[in-house]
Amino acid sequence: MSIPTSLRTLAAVVGFVGLLGACGSSTSNSSPPTSGPSATASSTTASIASNAQLCSARADLQSSIEDLTNVDVVKNGTSALDAALTKVRDNLQAVKSAAHGQLSPQVDALQNAIDQLGKAISNLSSGGSISAVVTAAQHVGQAGSNLTDALSNLKCP
């Protein structure tokens, strides 16, 4: 398999990862559950601020995922892909911080999947296989879908 063919295949795989961004691009009008009717005004205010931070972090994550899908691997090489993955990782960390541990299982699963995708991409230069990248991208898609499902009930301003 020639390098250009490998890079074209890799570009198609990255397009697949883009499905992750499409899954979470809509917002819902339902609000997240509250802790009960005895919630205080201060906790409600903190929740609103927290939701605003989480909404912003979610939007940044979705944007970085979209940027990842637009990387021209054939033209710019896998280093451009690595840079885009780093941006996704950074924005995923912002989601994790803004969620205050509430989405840890989903965030951690996506982080692990992204790390595995990064390793699979890095291994291409030393004889790694496209099928490993495809499998890793599928795991990213599934983990991302789980996270966006968890974020879908978030009411954003």
N, C-alpha and C. Protein backbone atom coordinates (compact mmCIF):
# COMPACT_ATOMS: atom_id res chain seq x y z
N MET A 1 0.85 -1.16 0.00
CA MET A 1 0.00 0.00 0.00
C MET A 1 0.90 1.23 0.00
N SER A 2 0.67 2.15 -0.91
CA SER A 2 1.50 3.34 -0.99
C SER A 2 1.08 4.34 0.08
N ILE A 3 1.96 5.26 0.39
CA ILE A 3 1.70 6.26 1.41
C ILE A 3 0.49 7.11 1.04
N PRO A 4 0.37 7.62 -0.20
CA PRO A 4 -0.81 8.41 -0.52
C PRO A 4 -2.12 7.65 -0.30
N THR A 5 -2.15 6.36 -0.63
CA THR A 5 -3.36 5.58 -0.40
C THR A 5 -3.63 5.45 1.08
N SER A 6 -2.60 5.24 1.88
CA SER A 6 -2.76 5.15 3.33
C SER A 6 -3.31 6.46 3.89
N LEU A 7 -2.77 7.57 3.41
CA LEU A 7 -3.23 8.86 3.90
C LEU A 7 -4.66 9.15 3.47
N ARG A 8 -5.03 8.73 2.27
CA ARG A 8 -6.43 8.91 1.84
C ARG A 8 -7.36 8.08 2.71
N THR A 9 -6.95 6.87 3.01
CA THR A 9 -7.76 6.02 3.89
C THR A 9 -7.86 6.64 5.26
N LEU A 10 -6.75 7.18 5.75
CA LEU A 10 -6.75 7.83 7.05
C LEU A 10 -7.67 9.05 7.03
N ALA A 11 -7.67 9.79 5.95
CA ALA A 11 -8.57 10.94 5.85
C ALA A 11 -10.02 10.49 5.91
N ALA A 12 -10.34 9.38 5.30
CA ALA A 12 -11.71 8.84 5.38
C ALA A 12 -12.06 8.45 6.81
N VAL A 13 -11.09 7.88 7.51
CA VAL A 13 -11.31 7.50 8.91
C VAL A 13 -11.57 8.74 9.75
N VAL A 14 -10.81 9.79 9.52
CA VAL A 14 -11.01 11.03 10.26
C VAL A 14 -12.40 11.59 9.96
N GLY A 15 -12.87 11.45 8.76
CA GLY A 15 -14.23 11.86 8.43
C GLY A 15 -15.25 11.09 9.24
N PHE A 16 -14.97 9.82 9.49
CA PHE A 16 -15.84 9.01 10.32
C PHE A 16 -15.90 9.56 11.74
N VAL A 17 -14.75 9.97 12.25
CA VAL A 17 -14.72 10.54 13.59
C VAL A 17 -15.58 11.80 13.62
N GLY A 18 -15.73 12.47 12.50
CA GLY A 18 -16.56 13.66 12.41
C GLY A 18 -18.01 13.41 12.74
N LEU A 19 -18.44 12.18 12.61
CA LEU A 19 -19.81 11.86 13.00
C LEU A 19 -20.04 12.19 14.46
N LEU A 20 -19.00 12.11 15.24
CA LEU A 20 -19.08 12.46 16.65
C LEU A 20 -19.55 13.90 16.81
N GLY A 21 -18.98 14.80 16.04
CA GLY A 21 -19.37 16.20 16.13
C GLY A 21 -20.80 16.42 15.71
N ALA A 22 -21.26 15.70 14.73
CA ALA A 22 -22.63 15.85 14.26
C ALA A 22 -23.63 15.32 15.27
N CYS A 23 -23.25 14.32 16.03
CA CYS A 23 -24.17 13.74 17.01
C CYS A 23 -24.55 14.71 18.09
N GLY A 24 -23.68 15.61 18.45
CA GLY A 24 -23.96 16.49 19.57
C GLY A 24 -24.18 17.93 19.17
N SER A 25 -24.49 18.20 17.92
CA SER A 25 -24.56 19.57 17.48
C SER A 25 -25.88 20.25 17.80
N SER A 26 -26.90 19.50 18.14
CA SER A 26 -28.16 20.14 18.47
C SER A 26 -28.28 20.29 19.97
N THR A 27 -29.08 21.27 20.37
CA THR A 27 -29.31 21.46 21.79
C THR A 27 -30.73 21.10 22.12
N SER A 28 -30.94 20.77 23.35
CA SER A 28 -32.25 20.38 23.82
C SER A 28 -32.82 21.47 24.70
N ASN A 29 -34.13 21.61 24.73
CA ASN A 29 -34.75 22.60 25.57
C ASN A 29 -35.09 22.07 26.95
N SER A 30 -34.82 20.82 27.22
CA SER A 30 -35.10 20.29 28.54
C SER A 30 -33.96 20.63 29.47
N SER A 31 -34.29 20.80 30.73
CA SER A 31 -33.25 21.16 31.69
C SER A 31 -32.78 19.93 32.44
N PRO A 32 -31.56 19.97 32.95
CA PRO A 32 -31.06 18.85 33.70
C PRO A 32 -31.83 18.70 35.00
N PRO A 33 -31.88 17.49 35.54
CA PRO A 33 -32.64 17.30 36.76
C PRO A 33 -32.02 18.08 37.91
N THR A 34 -32.88 18.56 38.80
CA THR A 34 -32.40 19.26 39.99
C THR A 34 -32.36 18.30 41.15
N SER A 35 -31.77 18.74 42.24
CA SER A 35 -31.64 17.88 43.40
C SER A 35 -32.93 17.82 44.21
N GLY A 36 -33.93 18.59 43.86
CA GLY A 36 -35.20 18.55 44.55
C GLY A 36 -35.74 19.94 44.79
N PRO A 37 -36.95 20.03 45.28
CA PRO A 37 -37.58 21.33 45.45
C PRO A 37 -36.92 22.18 46.53
N SER A 38 -36.10 21.61 47.37
CA SER A 38 -35.48 22.38 48.44
C SER A 38 -34.17 23.05 48.00
N ALA A 39 -33.89 23.03 46.71
CA ALA A 39 -32.66 23.65 46.22
C ALA A 39 -32.70 25.14 46.52
N THR A 40 -31.58 25.69 46.95
CA THR A 40 -31.53 27.10 47.31
C THR A 40 -31.23 27.95 46.09
N ALA A 41 -31.49 29.26 46.25
CA ALA A 41 -31.22 30.18 45.14
C ALA A 41 -29.75 30.20 44.81
N SER A 42 -28.88 30.10 45.82
CA SER A 42 -27.44 30.14 45.54
C SER A 42 -27.00 28.90 44.77
N SER A 43 -27.56 27.73 45.09
CA SER A 43 -27.18 26.55 44.33
C SER A 43 -27.73 26.61 42.92
N THR A 44 -28.90 27.23 42.76
CA THR A 44 -29.46 27.41 41.42
C THR A 44 -28.58 28.34 40.60
N THR A 45 -28.11 29.42 41.22
CA THR A 45 -27.21 30.35 40.53
C THR A 45 -25.91 29.65 40.14
N ALA A 46 -25.37 28.86 41.06
CA ALA A 46 -24.14 28.13 40.76
C ALA A 46 -24.37 27.14 39.63
N SER A 47 -25.54 26.50 39.63
CA SER A 47 -25.87 25.55 38.58
C SER A 47 -25.96 26.24 37.23
N ILE A 48 -26.56 27.42 37.21
CA ILE A 48 -26.69 28.17 35.96
C ILE A 48 -25.30 28.55 35.43
N ALA A 49 -24.44 29.05 36.34
CA ALA A 49 -23.08 29.41 35.92
C ALA A 49 -22.33 28.18 35.44
N SER A 50 -22.49 27.06 36.17
CA SER A 50 -21.85 25.82 35.78
C SER A 50 -22.34 25.36 34.42
N ASN A 51 -23.65 25.46 34.20
CA ASN A 51 -24.20 25.08 32.89
C ASN A 51 -23.66 25.96 31.79
N ALA A 52 -23.50 27.25 32.06
CA ALA A 52 -22.94 28.15 31.05
C ALA A 52 -21.52 27.74 30.69
N GLN A 53 -20.72 27.40 31.71
CA GLN A 53 -19.35 26.94 31.46
C GLN A 53 -19.35 25.63 30.69
N LEU A 54 -20.23 24.73 31.07
CA LEU A 54 -20.30 23.44 30.40
C LEU A 54 -20.80 23.59 28.97
N CYS A 55 -21.76 24.49 28.78
CA CYS A 55 -22.26 24.75 27.42
C CYS A 55 -21.14 25.29 26.53
N SER A 56 -20.35 26.21 27.08
CA SER A 56 -19.23 26.77 26.32
C SER A 56 -18.19 25.70 26.01
N ALA A 57 -17.89 24.88 27.02
CA ALA A 57 -16.91 23.81 26.82
C ALA A 57 -17.42 22.80 25.79
N ARG A 58 -18.70 22.49 25.85
CA ARG A 58 -19.29 21.55 24.89
C ARG A 58 -19.18 22.12 23.47
N ALA A 59 -19.49 23.41 23.31
CA ALA A 59 -19.41 24.05 21.99
C ALA A 59 -17.97 24.03 21.46
N ASP A 60 -17.01 24.31 22.35
CA ASP A 60 -15.60 24.29 21.94
C ASP A 60 -15.17 22.88 21.53
N LEU A 61 -15.64 21.88 22.28
CA LEU A 61 -15.32 20.50 21.93
C LEU A 61 -15.89 20.14 20.57
N GLN A 62 -17.13 20.51 20.35
CA GLN A 62 -17.76 20.21 19.06
C GLN A 62 -17.02 20.91 17.92
N SER A 63 -16.59 22.14 18.15
CA SER A 63 -15.85 22.88 17.14
C SER A 63 -14.51 22.20 16.84
N SER A 64 -13.82 21.77 17.88
CA SER A 64 -12.52 21.12 17.65
C SER A 64 -12.69 19.78 16.95
N ILE A 65 -13.78 19.09 17.23
CA ILE A 65 -14.05 17.84 16.52
C ILE A 65 -14.33 18.12 15.05
N GLU A 66 -15.07 19.19 14.79
CA GLU A 66 -15.32 19.58 13.39
C GLU A 66 -14.01 19.93 12.70
N ASP A 67 -13.14 20.67 13.40
CA ASP A 67 -11.83 21.01 12.83
C ASP A 67 -11.03 19.74 12.53
N LEU A 68 -11.13 18.76 13.42
CA LEU A 68 -10.43 17.49 13.22
C LEU A 68 -10.88 16.83 11.91
N THR A 69 -12.17 16.89 11.64
CA THR A 69 -12.68 16.25 10.42
C THR A 69 -12.27 17.00 9.16
N ASN A 70 -11.86 18.26 9.32
CA ASN A 70 -11.48 19.06 8.15
C ASN A 70 -9.98 19.03 7.87
N VAL A 71 -9.23 18.28 8.66
CA VAL A 71 -7.78 18.18 8.43
C VAL A 71 -7.54 17.48 7.09
N ASP A 72 -6.72 18.10 6.27
CA ASP A 72 -6.35 17.51 4.99
C ASP A 72 -5.05 16.73 5.21
N VAL A 73 -5.21 15.46 5.53
CA VAL A 73 -4.06 14.62 5.88
C VAL A 73 -3.14 14.44 4.67
N VAL A 74 -3.71 14.35 3.50
CA VAL A 74 -2.90 14.16 2.30
C VAL A 74 -2.01 15.38 2.08
N LYS A 75 -2.58 16.57 2.28
CA LYS A 75 -1.83 17.81 2.05
C LYS A 75 -0.91 18.16 3.22
N ASN A 76 -1.40 17.97 4.46
CA ASN A 76 -0.68 18.46 5.64
C ASN A 76 -0.04 17.38 6.49
N GLY A 77 -0.28 16.13 6.17
CA GLY A 77 0.35 15.03 6.90
C GLY A 77 -0.30 14.75 8.24
N THR A 78 0.21 13.72 8.88
CA THR A 78 -0.37 13.30 10.15
C THR A 78 -0.04 14.26 11.29
N SER A 79 0.95 15.13 11.11
CA SER A 79 1.24 16.11 12.17
C SER A 79 0.08 17.08 12.34
N ALA A 80 -0.61 17.42 11.25
CA ALA A 80 -1.80 18.27 11.35
C ALA A 80 -2.91 17.54 12.08
N LEU A 81 -2.98 16.25 11.85
CA LEU A 81 -3.97 15.43 12.54
C LEU A 81 -3.65 15.35 14.03
N ASP A 82 -2.38 15.20 14.36
CA ASP A 82 -1.97 15.18 15.77
C ASP A 82 -2.31 16.50 16.46
N ALA A 83 -2.09 17.62 15.77
CA ALA A 83 -2.40 18.93 16.35
C ALA A 83 -3.91 19.07 16.60
N ALA A 84 -4.70 18.58 15.66
CA ALA A 84 -6.15 18.65 15.82
C ALA A 84 -6.61 17.75 16.96
N LEU A 85 -6.00 16.57 17.11
CA LEU A 85 -6.33 15.68 18.23
C LEU A 85 -5.97 16.32 19.56
N THR A 86 -4.87 17.04 19.60
CA THR A 86 -4.47 17.73 20.83
C THR A 86 -5.51 18.77 21.22
N LYS A 87 -6.02 19.48 20.23
CA LYS A 87 -7.06 20.48 20.49
C LYS A 87 -8.33 19.81 21.03
N VAL A 88 -8.69 18.66 20.46
CA VAL A 88 -9.86 17.92 20.96
C VAL A 88 -9.61 17.48 22.40
N ARG A 89 -8.42 16.98 22.67
CA ARG A 89 -8.09 16.55 24.04
C ARG A 89 -8.22 17.71 25.03
N ASP A 90 -7.69 18.88 24.64
CA ASP A 90 -7.75 20.06 25.51
C ASP A 90 -9.20 20.46 25.79
N ASN A 91 -10.01 20.46 24.76
CA ASN A 91 -11.41 20.84 24.92
C ASN A 91 -12.20 19.79 25.69
N LEU A 92 -11.82 18.54 25.55
CA LEU A 92 -12.46 17.50 26.33
C LEU A 92 -12.13 17.69 27.82
N GLN A 93 -10.91 18.09 28.12
CA GLN A 93 -10.53 18.37 29.50
C GLN A 93 -11.37 19.53 30.05
N ALA A 94 -11.65 20.53 29.23
CA ALA A 94 -12.49 21.65 29.67
C ALA A 94 -13.92 21.18 29.98
N VAL A 95 -14.44 20.25 29.18
CA VAL A 95 -15.76 19.68 29.47
C VAL A 95 -15.71 18.95 30.80
N LYS A 96 -14.67 18.19 31.00
CA LYS A 96 -14.53 17.43 32.25
C LYS A 96 -14.50 18.37 33.46
N SER A 97 -13.74 19.45 33.35
CA SER A 97 -13.64 20.41 34.44
C SER A 97 -14.97 21.10 34.70
N ALA A 98 -15.64 21.51 33.65
CA ALA A 98 -16.92 22.22 33.80
C ALA A 98 -18.03 21.31 34.32
N ALA A 99 -17.91 20.02 34.07
CA ALA A 99 -18.93 19.07 34.50
C ALA A 99 -18.76 18.69 35.96
N HIS A 100 -17.66 19.07 36.58
CA HIS A 100 -17.40 18.80 38.00
C HIS A 100 -17.59 17.33 38.36
N GLY A 101 -17.08 16.46 37.51
CA GLY A 101 -17.10 15.03 37.81
C GLY A 101 -18.39 14.31 37.45
N GLN A 102 -19.42 15.06 37.05
CA GLN A 102 -20.70 14.42 36.76
C GLN A 102 -20.66 13.54 35.52
N LEU A 103 -19.75 13.80 34.61
CA LEU A 103 -19.67 13.03 33.37
C LEU A 103 -18.37 12.25 33.27
N SER A 104 -17.75 12.00 34.41
CA SER A 104 -16.44 11.35 34.40
C SER A 104 -16.38 10.05 33.61
N PRO A 105 -17.34 9.14 33.76
CA PRO A 105 -17.23 7.90 32.99
C PRO A 105 -17.22 8.13 31.47
N GLN A 106 -18.09 9.03 31.01
CA GLN A 106 -18.18 9.29 29.57
C GLN A 106 -16.94 10.05 29.08
N VAL A 107 -16.51 11.03 29.85
CA VAL A 107 -15.33 11.82 29.46
C VAL A 107 -14.09 10.93 29.45
N ASP A 108 -13.93 10.13 30.51
CA ASP A 108 -12.77 9.24 30.58
C ASP A 108 -12.75 8.23 29.43
N ALA A 109 -13.93 7.71 29.09
CA ALA A 109 -14.00 6.74 27.99
C ALA A 109 -13.60 7.41 26.67
N LEU A 110 -14.07 8.64 26.45
CA LEU A 110 -13.70 9.34 25.22
C LEU A 110 -12.21 9.68 25.23
N GLN A 111 -11.70 10.11 26.37
CA GLN A 111 -10.26 10.41 26.47
C GLN A 111 -9.42 9.19 26.13
N ASN A 112 -9.78 8.05 26.69
CA ASN A 112 -9.05 6.81 26.41
C ASN A 112 -9.13 6.44 24.93
N ALA A 113 -10.31 6.60 24.34
CA ALA A 113 -10.48 6.28 22.92
C ALA A 113 -9.65 7.21 22.05
N ILE A 114 -9.63 8.50 22.40
CA ILE A 114 -8.83 9.47 21.63
C ILE A 114 -7.34 9.14 21.76
N ASP A 115 -6.92 8.77 22.97
CA ASP A 115 -5.52 8.39 23.17
C ASP A 115 -5.15 7.19 22.30
N GLN A 116 -6.04 6.22 22.24
CA GLN A 116 -5.78 5.03 21.41
C GLN A 116 -5.73 5.39 19.93
N LEU A 117 -6.61 6.31 19.51
CA LEU A 117 -6.58 6.76 18.11
C LEU A 117 -5.26 7.47 17.82
N GLY A 118 -4.83 8.32 18.74
CA GLY A 118 -3.55 9.01 18.56
C GLY A 118 -2.39 8.03 18.42
N LYS A 119 -2.39 7.00 19.26
CA LYS A 119 -1.33 5.98 19.18
C LYS A 119 -1.40 5.23 17.85
N ALA A 120 -2.60 4.89 17.42
CA ALA A 120 -2.75 4.17 16.15
C ALA A 120 -2.26 5.02 14.99
N ILE A 121 -2.54 6.31 15.03
CA ILE A 121 -2.08 7.21 13.97
C ILE A 121 -0.56 7.32 14.01
N SER A 122 -0.01 7.48 15.20
CA SER A 122 1.45 7.57 15.34
C SER A 122 2.14 6.30 14.84
N ASN A 123 1.51 5.17 15.07
CA ASN A 123 2.10 3.90 14.65
C ASN A 123 2.10 3.71 13.14
N LEU A 124 1.33 4.50 12.41
CA LEU A 124 1.32 4.37 10.95
C LEU A 124 2.70 4.59 10.35
N SER A 125 3.46 5.51 10.93
CA SER A 125 4.78 5.80 10.37
C SER A 125 5.79 4.69 10.62
N SER A 126 5.47 3.79 11.55
CA SER A 126 6.39 2.68 11.83
C SER A 126 5.77 1.33 11.49
N GLY A 127 4.91 1.33 10.49
CA GLY A 127 4.33 0.08 10.02
C GLY A 127 2.99 -0.30 10.62
N GLY A 128 2.39 0.60 11.39
CA GLY A 128 1.06 0.33 11.95
C GLY A 128 0.04 0.19 10.84
N SER A 129 -1.10 -0.38 11.19
CA SER A 129 -2.09 -0.66 10.16
C SER A 129 -3.24 0.34 10.16
N ILE A 130 -3.78 0.54 8.98
CA ILE A 130 -4.97 1.37 8.83
C ILE A 130 -6.14 0.75 9.60
N SER A 131 -6.21 -0.58 9.64
CA SER A 131 -7.32 -1.23 10.35
C SER A 131 -7.29 -0.89 11.84
N ALA A 132 -6.11 -0.70 12.42
CA ALA A 132 -6.01 -0.29 13.82
C ALA A 132 -6.55 1.13 14.00
N VAL A 133 -6.29 1.98 13.02
CA VAL A 133 -6.80 3.35 13.06
C VAL A 133 -8.33 3.32 12.93
N VAL A 134 -8.83 2.51 12.03
CA VAL A 134 -10.28 2.40 11.84
C VAL A 134 -10.94 1.92 13.13
N THR A 135 -10.39 0.89 13.73
CA THR A 135 -10.95 0.37 14.99
C THR A 135 -10.92 1.43 16.07
N ALA A 136 -9.81 2.13 16.19
CA ALA A 136 -9.70 3.20 17.20
C ALA A 136 -10.69 4.32 16.92
N ALA A 137 -10.88 4.66 15.66
CA ALA A 137 -11.84 5.70 15.29
C ALA A 137 -13.26 5.26 15.63
N GLN A 138 -13.56 4.00 15.45
CA GLN A 138 -14.88 3.50 15.82
C GLN A 138 -15.10 3.61 17.32
N HIS A 139 -14.07 3.34 18.10
CA HIS A 139 -14.18 3.49 19.56
C HIS A 139 -14.38 4.95 19.94
N VAL A 140 -13.71 5.85 19.24
CA VAL A 140 -13.91 7.28 19.48
C VAL A 140 -15.36 7.66 19.16
N GLY A 141 -15.86 7.16 18.04
CA GLY A 141 -17.24 7.45 17.66
C GLY A 141 -18.23 6.98 18.70
N GLN A 142 -18.04 5.78 19.22
CA GLN A 142 -18.95 5.24 20.23
C GLN A 142 -18.85 6.01 21.54
N ALA A 143 -17.64 6.26 21.99
CA ALA A 143 -17.44 6.99 23.24
C ALA A 143 -17.95 8.43 23.12
N GLY A 144 -17.73 9.02 21.97
CA GLY A 144 -18.23 10.37 21.73
C GLY A 144 -19.74 10.43 21.70
N SER A 145 -20.33 9.43 21.11
CA SER A 145 -21.79 9.35 21.09
C SER A 145 -22.34 9.23 22.51
N ASN A 146 -21.69 8.44 23.33
CA ASN A 146 -22.12 8.30 24.73
C ASN A 146 -22.02 9.63 25.47
N LEU A 147 -20.95 10.39 25.23
CA LEU A 147 -20.80 11.68 25.88
C LEU A 147 -21.83 12.67 25.37
N THR A 148 -22.04 12.74 24.07
CA THR A 148 -23.01 13.69 23.55
C THR A 148 -24.43 13.33 23.99
N ASP A 149 -24.71 12.04 24.14
CA ASP A 149 -26.01 11.65 24.69
C ASP A 149 -26.16 12.20 26.10
N ALA A 150 -25.10 12.09 26.90
CA ALA A 150 -25.14 12.59 28.28
C ALA A 150 -25.28 14.11 28.31
N LEU A 151 -24.73 14.80 27.33
CA LEU A 151 -24.81 16.26 27.28
C LEU A 151 -26.07 16.77 26.59
N SER A 152 -26.83 15.89 25.99
CA SER A 152 -27.97 16.34 25.17
C SER A 152 -29.07 17.01 25.98
N ASN A 153 -29.18 16.72 27.25
CA ASN A 153 -30.21 17.35 28.07
C ASN A 153 -29.78 18.67 28.68
N LEU A 154 -28.59 19.10 28.38
CA LEU A 154 -28.06 20.33 28.93
C LEU A 154 -28.75 21.52 28.27
N LYS A 155 -29.34 22.36 29.08
CA LYS A 155 -30.00 23.56 28.57
C LYS A 155 -28.99 24.70 28.51
N CYS A 156 -28.73 25.19 27.32
CA CYS A 156 -27.73 26.24 27.14
C CYS A 156 -28.41 27.55 26.82
N PRO A 157 -27.81 28.65 27.33
CA PRO A 157 -28.37 29.98 27.07
C PRO A 157 -28.25 30.38 25.62
